[in-house]
């Protein structure tokens, strides 16, 4: 399973954005983005919403979660 930071970095880089550009366009701090991508901290739900909205993704897609793979699910 990939770390959330790996997924966040992959999405950002795939769109050709630097951390500074992402910060400017979302209002999030570049320092926070860096910490998340290095898995030193996890983004809170409000940051996840901001990133998902910016990228046009669901929060599940943003964090690399696969549907149907829960401990209770099918």
N, C-alpha and C. Protein backbone atom coordinates (compact mmCIF):
# COMPACT_ATOMS: atom_id res chain seq x y z
N UNK A 1 0.84 -1.19 0.00
CA UNK A 1 0.00 0.00 0.00
C UNK A 1 0.88 1.25 0.00
N UNK A 2 0.58 2.15 -0.90
CA UNK A 2 1.34 3.39 -0.97
C UNK A 2 1.01 4.29 0.21
N UNK A 3 1.97 5.10 0.58
CA UNK A 3 1.73 6.11 1.59
C UNK A 3 0.92 7.24 0.96
N UNK A 4 0.13 7.94 1.76
CA UNK A 4 -0.67 9.05 1.25
C UNK A 4 0.23 10.10 0.60
N UNK A 5 1.37 10.36 1.20
CA UNK A 5 2.29 11.35 0.66
C UNK A 5 2.74 11.03 -0.75
N UNK A 6 2.98 9.75 -1.02
CA UNK A 6 3.37 9.33 -2.37
C UNK A 6 2.28 9.66 -3.38
N UNK A 7 1.04 9.40 -2.98
CA UNK A 7 -0.09 9.68 -3.87
C UNK A 7 -0.25 11.17 -4.10
N UNK A 8 -0.15 11.96 -3.03
CA UNK A 8 -0.29 13.41 -3.18
C UNK A 8 0.80 13.98 -4.09
N UNK A 9 2.01 13.51 -3.91
CA UNK A 9 3.13 13.99 -4.74
C UNK A 9 2.93 13.57 -6.19
N UNK A 10 2.50 12.33 -6.41
CA UNK A 10 2.28 11.84 -7.77
C UNK A 10 1.25 12.69 -8.51
N UNK A 11 0.13 12.96 -7.85
CA UNK A 11 -0.92 13.76 -8.48
C UNK A 11 -0.40 15.14 -8.84
N UNK A 12 0.27 15.79 -7.89
CA UNK A 12 0.79 17.14 -8.14
C UNK A 12 1.78 17.16 -9.29
N UNK A 13 2.74 16.24 -9.24
CA UNK A 13 3.77 16.20 -10.28
C UNK A 13 3.19 15.83 -11.64
N UNK A 14 2.18 14.96 -11.64
CA UNK A 14 1.55 14.55 -12.90
C UNK A 14 0.88 15.73 -13.60
N UNK A 15 0.47 16.72 -12.83
CA UNK A 15 -0.12 17.94 -13.39
C UNK A 15 0.93 19.01 -13.67
N UNK A 16 2.18 18.71 -13.40
CA UNK A 16 3.26 19.65 -13.69
C UNK A 16 3.32 20.83 -12.76
N UNK A 17 2.86 20.65 -11.53
CA UNK A 17 2.85 21.73 -10.55
C UNK A 17 3.99 21.57 -9.55
N UNK A 18 4.56 22.68 -9.15
CA UNK A 18 5.50 22.67 -8.04
C UNK A 18 4.68 22.79 -6.75
N UNK A 19 5.32 22.53 -5.64
CA UNK A 19 4.64 22.71 -4.36
C UNK A 19 4.23 24.17 -4.18
N UNK A 20 5.08 25.09 -4.59
CA UNK A 20 4.78 26.52 -4.46
C UNK A 20 3.58 26.91 -5.32
N UNK A 21 3.51 26.38 -6.53
CA UNK A 21 2.36 26.68 -7.39
C UNK A 21 1.07 26.13 -6.80
N UNK A 22 1.13 24.91 -6.29
CA UNK A 22 -0.05 24.31 -5.67
C UNK A 22 -0.50 25.14 -4.46
N UNK A 23 0.47 25.57 -3.67
CA UNK A 23 0.16 26.39 -2.50
C UNK A 23 -0.52 27.69 -2.93
N UNK A 24 0.03 28.35 -3.94
CA UNK A 24 -0.56 29.61 -4.41
C UNK A 24 -1.98 29.42 -4.92
N UNK A 25 -2.23 28.32 -5.61
CA UNK A 25 -3.53 28.11 -6.24
C UNK A 25 -4.60 27.56 -5.28
N UNK A 26 -4.17 27.00 -4.16
CA UNK A 26 -5.14 26.42 -3.22
C UNK A 26 -5.27 27.19 -1.92
N UNK A 27 -4.29 28.05 -1.63
CA UNK A 27 -4.30 28.75 -0.35
C UNK A 27 -3.70 27.93 0.79
N UNK A 28 -3.20 26.75 0.47
CA UNK A 28 -2.52 25.91 1.46
C UNK A 28 -1.07 26.35 1.53
N UNK A 29 -0.38 26.02 2.60
CA UNK A 29 1.02 26.45 2.69
C UNK A 29 1.93 25.43 2.01
N UNK A 30 2.99 25.94 1.41
CA UNK A 30 3.97 25.08 0.76
C UNK A 30 4.64 24.18 1.79
N UNK A 31 4.85 24.70 2.98
CA UNK A 31 5.47 23.91 4.04
C UNK A 31 4.59 22.71 4.41
N UNK A 32 3.28 22.94 4.51
CA UNK A 32 2.36 21.84 4.83
C UNK A 32 2.36 20.80 3.71
N UNK A 33 2.31 21.25 2.48
CA UNK A 33 2.33 20.33 1.34
C UNK A 33 3.59 19.47 1.38
N UNK A 34 4.71 20.09 1.66
CA UNK A 34 5.97 19.35 1.76
C UNK A 34 5.92 18.29 2.86
N UNK A 35 5.42 18.66 4.02
CA UNK A 35 5.31 17.71 5.13
C UNK A 35 4.39 16.53 4.77
N UNK A 36 3.28 16.81 4.11
CA UNK A 36 2.35 15.75 3.71
C UNK A 36 3.00 14.80 2.72
N UNK A 37 3.70 15.36 1.74
CA UNK A 37 4.30 14.53 0.70
C UNK A 37 5.45 13.67 1.24
N UNK A 38 6.06 14.11 2.32
CA UNK A 38 7.12 13.31 2.95
C UNK A 38 6.57 12.40 4.05
N UNK A 39 5.25 12.37 4.20
CA UNK A 39 4.57 11.57 5.22
C UNK A 39 5.05 11.90 6.63
N UNK A 40 5.42 13.15 6.84
CA UNK A 40 5.79 13.59 8.18
C UNK A 40 4.55 14.08 8.94
N UNK A 41 3.54 14.45 8.20
CA UNK A 41 2.23 14.82 8.75
C UNK A 41 1.18 14.40 7.75
N UNK A 42 -0.05 14.28 8.22
CA UNK A 42 -1.17 13.97 7.33
C UNK A 42 -2.05 15.21 7.20
N UNK A 43 -2.57 15.44 6.01
CA UNK A 43 -3.47 16.59 5.84
C UNK A 43 -4.77 16.37 6.61
N UNK A 44 -5.30 17.44 7.17
CA UNK A 44 -6.59 17.31 7.86
C UNK A 44 -7.70 17.25 6.81
N UNK A 45 -8.90 17.00 7.26
CA UNK A 45 -10.02 16.81 6.33
C UNK A 45 -10.26 18.06 5.48
N UNK A 46 -10.05 19.24 6.05
CA UNK A 46 -10.29 20.48 5.30
C UNK A 46 -9.27 20.65 4.18
N UNK A 47 -8.02 20.26 4.44
CA UNK A 47 -7.00 20.31 3.39
C UNK A 47 -7.31 19.27 2.32
N UNK A 48 -7.77 18.08 2.73
CA UNK A 48 -8.14 17.05 1.75
C UNK A 48 -9.27 17.53 0.85
N UNK A 49 -10.25 18.21 1.43
CA UNK A 49 -11.35 18.74 0.64
C UNK A 49 -10.84 19.78 -0.35
N UNK A 50 -9.96 20.67 0.11
CA UNK A 50 -9.41 21.70 -0.77
C UNK A 50 -8.62 21.08 -1.92
N UNK A 51 -7.81 20.08 -1.62
CA UNK A 51 -7.02 19.43 -2.67
C UNK A 51 -7.91 18.65 -3.64
N UNK A 52 -8.86 17.90 -3.09
CA UNK A 52 -9.76 17.11 -3.94
C UNK A 52 -10.56 18.03 -4.87
N UNK A 53 -11.07 19.12 -4.33
CA UNK A 53 -11.81 20.08 -5.16
C UNK A 53 -10.92 20.68 -6.24
N UNK A 54 -9.71 21.05 -5.88
CA UNK A 54 -8.78 21.64 -6.84
C UNK A 54 -8.46 20.66 -7.96
N UNK A 55 -8.22 19.41 -7.61
CA UNK A 55 -7.85 18.40 -8.61
C UNK A 55 -9.05 17.79 -9.33
N UNK A 56 -10.27 18.03 -8.82
CA UNK A 56 -11.44 17.43 -9.43
C UNK A 56 -11.55 15.94 -9.12
N UNK A 57 -11.16 15.56 -7.91
CA UNK A 57 -11.17 14.17 -7.48
C UNK A 57 -12.06 14.00 -6.26
N UNK A 58 -12.41 12.75 -5.97
CA UNK A 58 -13.02 12.46 -4.68
C UNK A 58 -11.90 12.38 -3.65
N UNK A 59 -12.25 12.45 -2.39
CA UNK A 59 -11.23 12.32 -1.35
C UNK A 59 -10.62 10.92 -1.40
N UNK A 60 -11.42 9.90 -1.67
CA UNK A 60 -10.89 8.54 -1.80
C UNK A 60 -9.83 8.47 -2.90
N UNK A 61 -10.11 9.07 -4.05
CA UNK A 61 -9.14 9.08 -5.14
C UNK A 61 -7.89 9.85 -4.73
N UNK A 62 -8.09 10.98 -4.06
CA UNK A 62 -6.97 11.82 -3.64
C UNK A 62 -5.98 11.06 -2.78
N UNK A 63 -6.48 10.27 -1.85
CA UNK A 63 -5.57 9.58 -0.93
C UNK A 63 -5.21 8.18 -1.38
N UNK A 64 -5.66 7.81 -2.59
CA UNK A 64 -5.27 6.51 -3.14
C UNK A 64 -6.04 5.34 -2.57
N UNK A 65 -7.21 5.60 -2.01
CA UNK A 65 -8.03 4.54 -1.42
C UNK A 65 -8.83 3.86 -2.51
N UNK A 66 -8.87 2.53 -2.46
CA UNK A 66 -9.64 1.77 -3.43
C UNK A 66 -11.00 1.42 -2.84
N UNK A 67 -12.02 1.57 -3.65
CA UNK A 67 -13.37 1.23 -3.20
C UNK A 67 -13.49 -0.27 -2.99
N UNK A 68 -14.28 -0.65 -1.99
CA UNK A 68 -14.54 -2.05 -1.74
C UNK A 68 -13.47 -2.76 -0.94
N UNK A 69 -12.46 -2.04 -0.51
CA UNK A 69 -11.37 -2.66 0.25
C UNK A 69 -11.39 -2.14 1.67
N UNK A 70 -12.44 -2.49 2.38
CA UNK A 70 -12.54 -2.13 3.79
C UNK A 70 -12.43 -3.38 4.62
N UNK A 71 -12.19 -3.23 5.89
CA UNK A 71 -12.05 -4.42 6.73
C UNK A 71 -13.39 -5.12 6.92
N UNK A 72 -14.49 -4.41 6.68
CA UNK A 72 -15.81 -5.02 6.82
C UNK A 72 -16.43 -5.35 5.47
N UNK A 73 -15.84 -4.80 4.41
CA UNK A 73 -16.46 -4.87 3.09
C UNK A 73 -16.22 -6.16 2.33
N UNK A 74 -16.72 -6.11 1.15
CA UNK A 74 -16.69 -7.26 0.25
C UNK A 74 -15.37 -7.37 -0.45
